[in-house]
Amino acid sequence: MFYKLKKDAHVSIYNGYGYIISTGLNKMSEVDPMGAVFLSALKPQPQSLGQLVDILLKQFADVDREILKNDAKEFYDNFVSAGFLIKADTIAQIDTINDSLKYVQADMNNASINFYLPGLDLDYINFFTYFAKYTVQHKSWFMENSRIASFYGTFKNTIWAGGRLSLGMATSPIDMERTIYKINDAGIAARYTFTNNFIEEKHLNDTLCNLAMEMANNGKNEVLVNSPVLENYLRKEYPKFKFIQSITACQNDIEKINVATEKYDLVVLDFHENKNLAFLEKIKNKDKIEILIDGLCPNSCNRSKDHYSNISRINCYQGNANHEYSCLINKESSKNFYEGLRQRKENNLTFEEVYKDYYDMGFRHFKLVGRNEFNFYVLESLVYYLVKPEFRDEVRADLATYFIEYMIKAYGGTIRPTLDFPGEM
């Protein structure tokens, strides 16, 4: 009898306990320290029950082999039934079982339009990975040649973070690892928003931030930057990442933007220039520009740089969170997507502008807001920009139903949000 991990299954050991995670099933199972030893013996390659027992005997030397063999068979068979493992009588048989991943890594060359979503947040990662899976299952309902390229954000209490406050209890290593694995397994990049522009040399050895980078240092992920000190450090220590110039740089100099497109993998444009066609025309590498298309700030706002700087101070404990810089956001229009689209038409793009006007100009990268502010504004934004108009009502109903159920289960009682899937799809 042979066993192996499914391609979308992943084993982690943390504080002695074992965790097996399936991104295809969107669920996780936890076992005690003894079970953790059994899990740690598994591999993506087929192993016979005898081979697994030989590995286990090194940890349980005083146990009778036959007793251990029976216990191991029962243990692994339970995970076969749960969908985490594959089992067959021979290696030839195990290789014939369809073990393809639920997601396929998108081909950047064949994807005309790339979207960047605020999905790297422990509280909402289940919803966004559900949404990614939903776009695959209902591919014909979504715009052709478009894809979800990355989920951006950060983990709580990371002092390198910028753009939004990153306060709260630090994320555990097991949840960090699980989050990155889940995003990458969906064929999507995890993009850290490490854009704090007050970083000094003394902040570079921060344990939590470096751990987050190490866990995602696999050549699939990205990092937004806006600090020369931090950027130089990250390029040296984590060269596998893609480096992106953040919108928090508030760069309006066309020459500096053109230089930046040569240095960075992408440059996020200051939203004030979204409708400045004369300015946009002067950009040489338009396919290296990312545009925030549904921002909450009005074009009249001249406080962006001060606002971002204040947030940076707070995140690295140099500012008071009770004195966050005031913003000009119209709170009412930030609740209603279509009202916001009308009120901020001087800098936000319509569906037609994204897929026609800006596409024809050569722009291929578009960012949606929603980090730390997840609500129906964000939900409607996903539907409006990614779904074909004739399917919006159906998709909206499906996603809203799931979202409401998710929020009730996760926050309606004493349930702590986890990276498990709240309900079958």
Protein backbone atom coordinates (compact mmCIF):
# COMPACT_ATOMS: atom_id res chain seq x y z
CA MET A 1 0.00 0.00 0.00
CA PHE A 2 1.35 3.43 -1.01
CA TYR A 3 0.50 6.91 0.29
CA LYS A 4 1.40 10.42 -0.81
CA LEU A 5 0.33 14.01 -0.13
CA LYS A 6 -1.96 15.55 -2.70
CA LYS A 7 -0.39 18.39 -4.66
CA ASP A 8 -2.58 20.94 -2.92
CA ALA A 9 -1.84 19.54 0.57
CA HIS A 10 0.84 20.92 2.85
CA VAL A 11 2.14 19.77 6.26
CA SER A 12 3.40 22.16 8.93
CA ILE A 13 4.70 21.47 12.44
CA TYR A 14 4.40 24.29 14.97
CA ASN A 15 4.96 24.15 18.75
CA GLY A 16 4.91 20.36 18.52
CA TYR A 17 1.46 20.16 16.93
CA GLY A 18 0.86 19.06 13.35
CA TYR A 19 -1.23 20.82 10.72
CA ILE A 20 -2.22 19.52 7.31
CA ILE A 21 -3.71 22.12 4.98
CA SER A 22 -5.49 21.60 1.67
CA THR A 23 -5.92 24.69 -0.47
CA GLY A 24 -8.04 22.73 -2.92
CA LEU A 25 -10.48 21.72 -0.18
CA ASN A 26 -10.04 25.01 1.68
CA LYS A 27 -9.66 23.26 5.02
CA MET A 28 -7.11 22.35 7.66
CA SER A 29 -6.79 19.56 10.23
CA GLU A 30 -4.79 19.75 13.46
CA VAL A 31 -3.25 16.76 15.29
CA ASP A 32 -1.50 16.29 18.63
CA PRO A 33 2.30 15.91 18.97
CA MET A 34 2.15 12.16 18.31
CA GLY A 35 0.08 12.75 15.18
CA ALA A 36 2.57 15.44 14.16
CA VAL A 37 5.26 12.74 13.96
CA PHE A 38 3.01 10.68 11.64
CA LEU A 39 2.31 13.74 9.45
CA SER A 40 5.99 14.70 9.23
CA ALA A 41 6.80 11.35 7.59
CA LEU A 42 4.61 12.13 4.57
CA LYS A 43 6.00 13.38 1.27
CA PRO A 44 4.60 14.49 -2.11
CA GLN A 45 6.24 11.35 -3.54
CA PRO A 46 4.65 7.90 -3.04
CA GLN A 47 5.89 5.90 -0.06
CA SER A 48 4.88 2.40 0.94
CA LEU A 49 3.33 1.80 4.33
CA GLY A 50 6.46 -0.14 5.22
CA GLN A 51 8.69 2.83 4.33
CA LEU A 52 6.55 5.13 6.46
CA VAL A 53 6.72 2.72 9.39
CA ASP A 54 10.53 2.57 9.09
CA ILE A 55 10.61 6.37 9.42
CA LEU A 56 8.26 6.30 12.40
CA LEU A 57 10.26 3.60 14.19
CA LYS A 58 13.13 6.07 14.50
CA GLN A 59 10.84 8.16 16.71
CA PHE A 60 9.00 5.27 18.43
CA ALA A 61 11.85 2.80 18.97
CA ASP A 62 10.15 0.83 21.77
CA VAL A 63 6.90 0.20 19.88
CA ASP A 64 6.17 -3.15 18.22
CA ARG A 65 6.43 -2.80 14.45
CA GLU A 66 3.10 -4.51 13.70
CA ILE A 67 1.24 -2.39 16.24
CA LEU A 68 2.81 0.76 14.78
CA LYS A 69 1.97 -0.41 11.26
CA ASN A 70 -1.70 -0.87 12.15
CA ASP A 71 -1.83 2.52 13.87
CA ALA A 72 -0.15 4.20 10.91
CA LYS A 73 -2.54 2.62 8.42
CA GLU A 74 -5.56 3.80 10.41
CA PHE A 75 -4.08 7.29 10.78
CA TYR A 76 -3.22 7.74 7.08
CA ASP A 77 -6.47 6.16 5.87
CA ASN A 78 -8.40 8.79 7.83
CA PHE A 79 -6.60 11.52 5.90
CA VAL A 80 -7.21 9.69 2.62
CA SER A 81 -10.94 9.76 3.42
CA ALA A 82 -10.69 13.45 4.35
CA GLY A 83 -9.13 14.24 0.96
CA PHE A 84 -5.60 15.21 2.03
CA LEU A 85 -3.77 12.07 0.82
CA ILE A 86 -3.81 9.69 -2.13
CA LYS A 87 -3.65 5.93 -1.57
CA ALA A 88 -3.14 3.05 -4.03
CA ASP A 89 -1.87 -0.53 -4.12
CA THR A 90 1.08 0.26 -6.41
CA ILE A 91 3.11 3.28 -7.51
CA ALA A 92 1.80 2.77 -11.05
CA GLN A 93 -1.78 3.05 -9.78
CA ILE A 94 -1.07 6.08 -7.63
CA ASP A 95 0.39 7.88 -10.65
CA THR A 96 -2.82 7.37 -12.62
CA ILE A 97 -4.95 9.17 -10.03
CA ASN A 98 -5.84 12.71 -11.10
CA ASP A 99 -4.01 14.88 -8.60
CA SER A 100 -4.00 18.15 -10.54
CA LEU A 101 -4.07 21.42 -8.64
CA LYS A 102 -7.33 23.27 -8.48
CA TYR A 103 -5.60 26.37 -9.84
CA VAL A 104 -3.26 26.88 -12.75
CA GLN A 105 -0.59 29.57 -12.64
CA ALA A 106 -1.71 32.28 -15.03
CA ASP A 107 0.49 33.03 -18.00
CA MET A 108 1.46 36.69 -17.77
CA ASN A 109 2.08 36.88 -21.52
CA ASN A 110 -1.45 35.74 -22.31
CA ALA A 111 -3.14 37.92 -19.67
CA SER A 112 -3.90 41.33 -21.08
CA ILE A 113 -5.16 42.90 -17.88
CA ASN A 114 -3.84 42.22 -14.37
CA PHE A 115 -5.73 43.10 -11.20
CA TYR A 116 -4.23 43.58 -7.75
CA LEU A 117 -6.63 42.96 -4.86
CA PRO A 118 -6.46 43.72 -1.09
CA GLY A 119 -6.56 40.05 -0.12
CA LEU A 120 -3.46 39.59 2.06
CA ASP A 121 -5.28 40.00 5.34
CA LEU A 122 -5.78 37.15 7.78
CA ASP A 123 -9.38 38.21 8.46
CA TYR A 124 -10.42 38.12 4.80
CA ILE A 125 -8.04 35.70 3.11
CA ASN A 126 -10.73 33.01 3.01
CA PHE A 127 -13.06 35.28 1.07
CA PHE A 128 -10.44 36.34 -1.47
CA THR A 129 -9.16 32.80 -2.10
CA TYR A 130 -12.79 31.74 -2.46
CA PHE A 131 -13.22 34.54 -5.00
CA ALA A 132 -10.11 33.38 -6.89
CA LYS A 133 -11.47 29.85 -6.99
CA TYR A 134 -14.87 31.17 -8.08
CA THR A 135 -13.30 33.00 -11.05
CA VAL A 136 -11.78 29.70 -12.21
CA GLN A 137 -14.98 27.70 -11.80
CA HIS A 138 -17.03 30.33 -13.64
CA LYS A 139 -14.41 31.50 -16.07
CA SER A 140 -16.92 32.34 -18.82
CA TRP A 141 -18.61 34.89 -16.54
CA PHE A 142 -15.43 36.93 -16.11
CA MET A 143 -13.68 39.22 -18.57
CA GLU A 144 -11.42 37.41 -21.02
CA ASN A 145 -7.67 37.91 -20.78
CA SER A 146 -7.89 39.28 -17.25
CA ARG A 147 -6.48 37.70 -14.13
CA ILE A 148 -5.90 38.24 -10.43
CA ALA A 149 -2.17 38.89 -10.30
CA SER A 150 -1.63 39.42 -6.58
CA PHE A 151 -3.19 39.91 -3.17
CA TYR A 152 -1.57 42.85 -1.42
CA GLY A 153 -1.40 43.76 2.27
CA THR A 154 0.57 42.76 5.31
CA PHE A 155 0.35 40.94 8.62
CA LYS A 156 -0.62 42.70 11.83
CA ASN A 157 2.06 44.54 13.81
CA THR A 158 4.67 44.62 11.03
CA ILE A 159 6.65 47.83 11.54
CA TRP A 160 7.77 47.97 7.89
CA ALA A 161 4.14 48.37 6.78
CA GLY A 162 2.80 51.59 5.29
CA GLY A 163 -0.30 52.94 3.58
CA ARG A 164 -2.61 51.59 6.32
CA LEU A 165 -2.23 51.10 10.04
CA SER A 166 -0.76 47.69 10.94
CA LEU A 167 -1.66 47.51 14.61
CA GLY A 168 -2.87 44.51 16.58
CA MET A 169 -1.69 41.12 17.77
CA ALA A 170 1.17 39.75 15.68
CA THR A 171 0.23 36.93 13.31
CA SER A 172 1.57 33.51 14.31
CA PRO A 173 4.21 31.90 12.09
CA ILE A 174 1.88 29.01 11.23
CA ASP A 175 -0.81 31.43 10.01
CA MET A 176 1.75 33.43 8.04
CA GLU A 177 3.04 30.28 6.36
CA ARG A 178 -0.46 29.02 5.67
CA THR A 179 -1.52 32.35 4.16
CA ILE A 180 1.42 32.54 1.76
CA TYR A 181 1.02 28.91 0.73
CA LYS A 182 -2.71 29.35 0.14
CA ILE A 183 -2.22 32.44 -2.03
CA ASN A 184 0.65 30.99 -4.06
CA ASP A 185 -1.16 27.71 -4.61
CA ALA A 186 -3.94 29.73 -6.24
CA GLY A 187 -1.43 30.91 -8.85
CA ILE A 188 -1.41 34.37 -7.24
CA ALA A 189 1.44 36.43 -5.82
CA ALA A 190 1.48 37.65 -2.23
CA ARG A 191 2.48 41.30 -2.21
CA TYR A 192 3.74 42.86 1.02
CA THR A 193 3.02 46.56 1.51
CA PHE A 194 6.31 47.33 3.23
CA THR A 195 6.12 51.02 2.34
CA ASN A 196 6.98 52.66 5.66
CA ASN A 197 9.07 55.69 4.73
CA PHE A 198 10.41 56.22 8.25
CA ILE A 199 12.47 53.04 8.37
CA GLU A 200 15.98 53.43 9.77
CA GLU A 201 18.87 50.98 10.03
CA LYS A 202 17.74 50.02 13.54
CA HIS A 203 14.45 48.67 12.16
CA LEU A 204 16.00 46.31 9.59
CA ASN A 205 16.53 43.39 11.97
CA ASP A 206 12.86 43.23 13.01
CA THR A 207 12.09 39.56 13.60
CA LEU A 208 8.46 39.49 12.45
CA CYS A 209 9.05 41.39 9.21
CA ASN A 210 12.08 39.30 8.28
CA LEU A 211 10.15 36.13 9.06
CA ALA A 212 7.35 37.25 6.73
CA MET A 213 9.89 37.84 3.96
CA GLU A 214 11.63 34.50 4.54
CA MET A 215 8.35 32.56 4.37
CA ALA A 216 7.52 34.13 1.00
CA ASN A 217 11.04 34.02 -0.44
CA ASN A 218 10.24 31.49 -3.16
CA GLY A 219 10.41 33.57 -6.33
CA LYS A 220 6.62 33.93 -6.61
CA ASN A 221 5.99 37.01 -4.51
CA GLU A 222 6.31 40.79 -4.48
CA VAL A 223 7.02 43.69 -2.16
CA LEU A 224 5.98 47.34 -2.38
CA VAL A 225 8.66 49.76 -1.17
CA ASN A 226 9.04 53.46 -0.41
CA SER A 227 12.18 53.64 1.72
CA PRO A 228 15.69 53.56 0.22
CA VAL A 229 17.07 52.11 3.46
CA LEU A 230 14.59 49.25 3.54
CA GLU A 231 14.64 48.68 -0.22
CA ASN A 232 18.42 48.31 -0.31
CA TYR A 233 18.27 45.83 2.54
CA LEU A 234 15.48 43.78 0.96
CA ARG A 235 17.13 43.65 -2.45
CA LYS A 236 20.28 42.31 -0.82
CA GLU A 237 18.64 39.80 1.55
CA TYR A 238 15.61 38.72 -0.54
CA PRO A 239 16.49 39.09 -4.23
CA LYS A 240 13.83 36.59 -5.36
CA PHE A 241 11.05 39.13 -4.77
CA LYS A 242 9.66 41.48 -7.38
CA PHE A 243 10.09 45.09 -6.27
CA ILE A 244 7.35 47.64 -6.86
CA GLN A 245 7.43 51.38 -6.23
CA SER A 246 4.49 52.24 -4.01
CA ILE A 247 1.76 54.81 -4.60
CA THR A 248 2.84 56.25 -1.23
CA ALA A 249 5.87 57.74 -3.00
CA CYS A 250 3.37 60.28 -4.43
CA GLN A 251 5.63 60.69 -7.45
CA ASN A 252 4.44 63.29 -9.99
CA ASP A 253 7.70 63.91 -11.87
CA ILE A 254 7.37 62.25 -15.26
CA GLU A 255 11.13 61.89 -15.71
CA LYS A 256 11.50 60.16 -12.35
CA ILE A 257 8.59 57.88 -13.18
CA ASN A 258 10.21 56.86 -16.46
CA VAL A 259 13.47 56.11 -14.61
CA ALA A 260 11.53 54.14 -12.00
CA THR A 261 9.93 51.91 -14.65
CA GLU A 262 13.44 50.79 -15.61
CA LYS A 263 14.38 50.04 -11.99
CA TYR A 264 11.20 48.43 -10.64
CA ASP A 265 9.03 45.59 -11.86
CA LEU A 266 6.02 47.91 -11.55
CA VAL A 267 5.41 51.53 -10.53
CA VAL A 268 2.09 52.44 -8.87
CA LEU A 269 0.92 55.78 -10.23
CA ASP A 270 -0.17 58.64 -7.96
CA PHE A 271 -3.97 58.64 -8.32
CA HIS A 272 -3.97 62.42 -8.95
CA GLU A 273 -2.56 61.69 -12.42
CA ASN A 274 -5.13 59.03 -13.40
CA LYS A 275 -7.03 61.31 -15.79
CA ASN A 276 -4.11 63.53 -16.81
CA LEU A 277 -3.92 62.24 -20.38
CA ALA A 278 -1.03 64.53 -21.36
CA PHE A 279 0.94 63.19 -18.40
CA LEU A 280 0.05 59.57 -19.15
CA GLU A 281 1.11 59.92 -22.76
CA LYS A 282 4.64 60.86 -21.69
CA ILE A 283 5.13 57.60 -19.77
CA LYS A 284 7.48 55.45 -21.83
CA ASN A 285 6.82 52.01 -20.30
CA LYS A 286 3.07 52.02 -19.80
CA ASP A 287 3.06 48.25 -19.34
CA LYS A 288 5.09 48.82 -16.14
CA ILE A 289 2.55 51.22 -14.62
CA GLU A 290 -0.11 50.18 -12.11
CA ILE A 291 -3.19 52.40 -11.68
CA LEU A 292 -5.43 52.62 -8.61
CA ILE A 293 -8.83 52.73 -10.30
CA ASP A 294 -11.38 52.89 -7.45
CA GLY A 295 -9.70 55.02 -4.80
CA LEU A 296 -11.56 56.59 -1.90
CA CYS A 297 -9.73 59.93 -1.85
CA PRO A 298 -11.04 62.83 -3.97
CA ASN A 299 -8.72 64.39 -6.53
CA SER A 300 -8.79 67.62 -4.51
CA CYS A 301 -7.01 65.90 -1.61
CA ASN A 302 -3.52 67.32 -1.13
CA ARG A 303 -2.82 65.50 2.13
CA SER A 304 -1.77 62.12 0.75
CA LYS A 305 1.94 62.39 1.46
CA ASP A 306 1.39 63.71 5.00
CA HIS A 307 -1.26 61.04 5.61
CA TYR A 308 1.06 58.22 4.50
CA SER A 309 3.93 59.64 6.56
CA ASN A 310 1.79 59.82 9.68
CA ILE A 311 0.74 56.19 9.24
CA SER A 312 4.39 55.21 8.81
CA ARG A 313 5.30 56.95 12.08
CA ILE A 314 2.55 55.11 13.94
CA ASN A 315 3.48 51.69 12.49
CA CYS A 316 7.08 51.97 13.68
CA TYR A 317 6.05 53.36 17.08
CA GLN A 318 7.04 56.96 16.41
CA GLY A 319 3.50 58.34 16.34
CA ASN A 320 0.25 58.22 18.29
CA ALA A 321 -2.49 56.01 16.81
CA ASN A 322 -5.10 58.27 18.41
CA HIS A 323 -3.88 61.17 16.31
CA GLU A 324 -4.11 59.62 12.86
CA TYR A 325 -3.98 62.27 10.15
CA SER A 326 -7.44 63.42 9.09
CA CYS A 327 -8.60 62.57 5.58
CA LEU A 328 -10.94 64.22 3.11
CA ILE A 329 -12.77 60.98 2.29
CA ASN A 330 -16.52 61.39 1.96
CA LYS A 331 -17.66 58.69 4.37
CA GLU A 332 -21.03 58.26 2.67
CA SER A 333 -19.58 57.71 -0.80
CA SER A 334 -17.00 55.30 0.66
CA LYS A 335 -19.90 52.99 1.56
CA ASN A 336 -21.58 52.99 -1.85
CA PHE A 337 -19.37 51.98 -4.77
CA TYR A 338 -21.43 53.58 -7.53
CA GLU A 339 -21.91 56.82 -5.59
CA GLY A 340 -18.16 56.94 -5.05
CA LEU A 341 -17.53 56.27 -8.74
CA ARG A 342 -19.69 59.29 -9.63
CA GLN A 343 -18.23 61.59 -6.98
CA ARG A 344 -14.63 60.71 -7.77
CA LYS A 345 -14.88 60.47 -11.53
CA GLU A 346 -11.95 62.90 -11.86
CA ASN A 347 -9.56 60.13 -10.78
CA ASN A 348 -11.44 56.79 -10.74
CA LEU A 349 -11.85 54.74 -13.91
CA THR A 350 -15.01 53.21 -15.28
CA PHE A 351 -15.27 49.67 -16.58
CA GLU A 352 -15.24 50.97 -20.16
CA GLU A 353 -12.16 53.10 -19.55
CA VAL A 354 -10.20 50.17 -18.14
CA TYR A 355 -11.02 47.74 -20.94
CA LYS A 356 -11.06 50.23 -23.81
CA ASP A 357 -9.40 53.62 -23.36
CA TYR A 358 -6.59 52.73 -20.95
CA TYR A 359 -6.06 49.33 -22.51
CA ASP A 360 -5.65 51.00 -25.90
CA MET A 361 -3.12 53.41 -24.38
CA GLY A 362 -1.05 50.41 -23.26
CA PHE A 363 -1.88 50.11 -19.55
CA ARG A 364 -2.24 46.55 -18.25
CA HIS A 365 -2.08 46.77 -14.45
CA PHE A 366 -4.93 47.94 -12.20
CA LYS A 367 -5.26 48.05 -8.43
CA LEU A 368 -8.45 47.93 -6.32
CA VAL A 369 -8.79 49.38 -2.81
CA GLY A 370 -10.13 47.72 0.31
CA ARG A 371 -7.32 46.92 2.74
CA ASN A 372 -8.57 47.18 6.35
CA GLU A 373 -11.91 48.48 5.02
CA PHE A 374 -13.62 45.40 3.69
CA ASN A 375 -17.34 46.00 3.05
CA PHE A 376 -19.83 45.94 0.19
CA TYR A 377 -17.92 48.75 -1.53
CA VAL A 378 -15.10 46.30 -2.11
CA LEU A 379 -17.46 43.47 -3.01
CA GLU A 380 -19.20 45.60 -5.65
CA SER A 381 -15.85 46.80 -6.99
CA LEU A 382 -14.79 43.20 -7.65
CA VAL A 383 -18.03 42.51 -9.50
CA TYR A 384 -17.97 45.75 -11.50
CA TYR A 385 -14.41 45.53 -12.81
CA LEU A 386 -13.89 41.80 -13.28
CA VAL A 387 -17.28 40.37 -14.29
CA LYS A 388 -18.93 40.59 -17.69
CA PRO A 389 -21.90 43.00 -17.39
CA GLU A 390 -24.50 40.36 -18.29
CA PHE A 391 -23.39 38.11 -15.39
CA ARG A 392 -22.99 40.73 -12.65
CA ASP A 393 -26.34 40.10 -10.96
CA GLU A 394 -25.71 36.37 -10.62
CA VAL A 395 -22.13 36.77 -9.43
CA ARG A 396 -23.11 39.53 -7.01
CA ALA A 397 -25.80 37.32 -5.47
CA ASP A 398 -23.41 34.38 -5.11
CA LEU A 399 -20.62 36.44 -3.57
CA ALA A 400 -22.89 38.44 -1.28
CA THR A 401 -24.48 35.26 0.05
CA TYR A 402 -21.09 33.76 0.76
CA PHE A 403 -19.73 36.99 2.25
CA ILE A 404 -22.64 37.46 4.64
CA GLU A 405 -22.42 33.83 5.77
CA TYR A 406 -18.68 34.16 6.23
CA MET A 407 -18.96 37.34 8.31
CA ILE A 408 -21.69 35.87 10.51
CA LYS A 409 -19.75 32.67 11.15
CA ALA A 410 -16.44 34.43 11.69
CA TYR A 411 -17.60 37.45 13.68
CA GLY A 412 -21.19 36.86 14.76
CA GLY A 413 -20.25 34.99 17.91
CA THR A 414 -17.15 33.80 19.68
CA ILE A 415 -15.67 32.07 16.63
CA ARG A 416 -12.10 33.18 15.99
CA PRO A 417 -11.35 33.66 12.26
CA THR A 418 -9.14 30.88 10.93
CA LEU A 419 -7.80 29.99 7.53
CA ASP A 420 -10.40 27.30 7.07
CA PHE A 421 -13.23 27.45 4.57
CA PRO A 422 -16.51 28.45 6.27
CA GLY A 423 -18.90 26.09 4.54
CA GLU A 424 -18.75 23.89 1.48
CA MET A 425 -18.75 25.47 -1.95
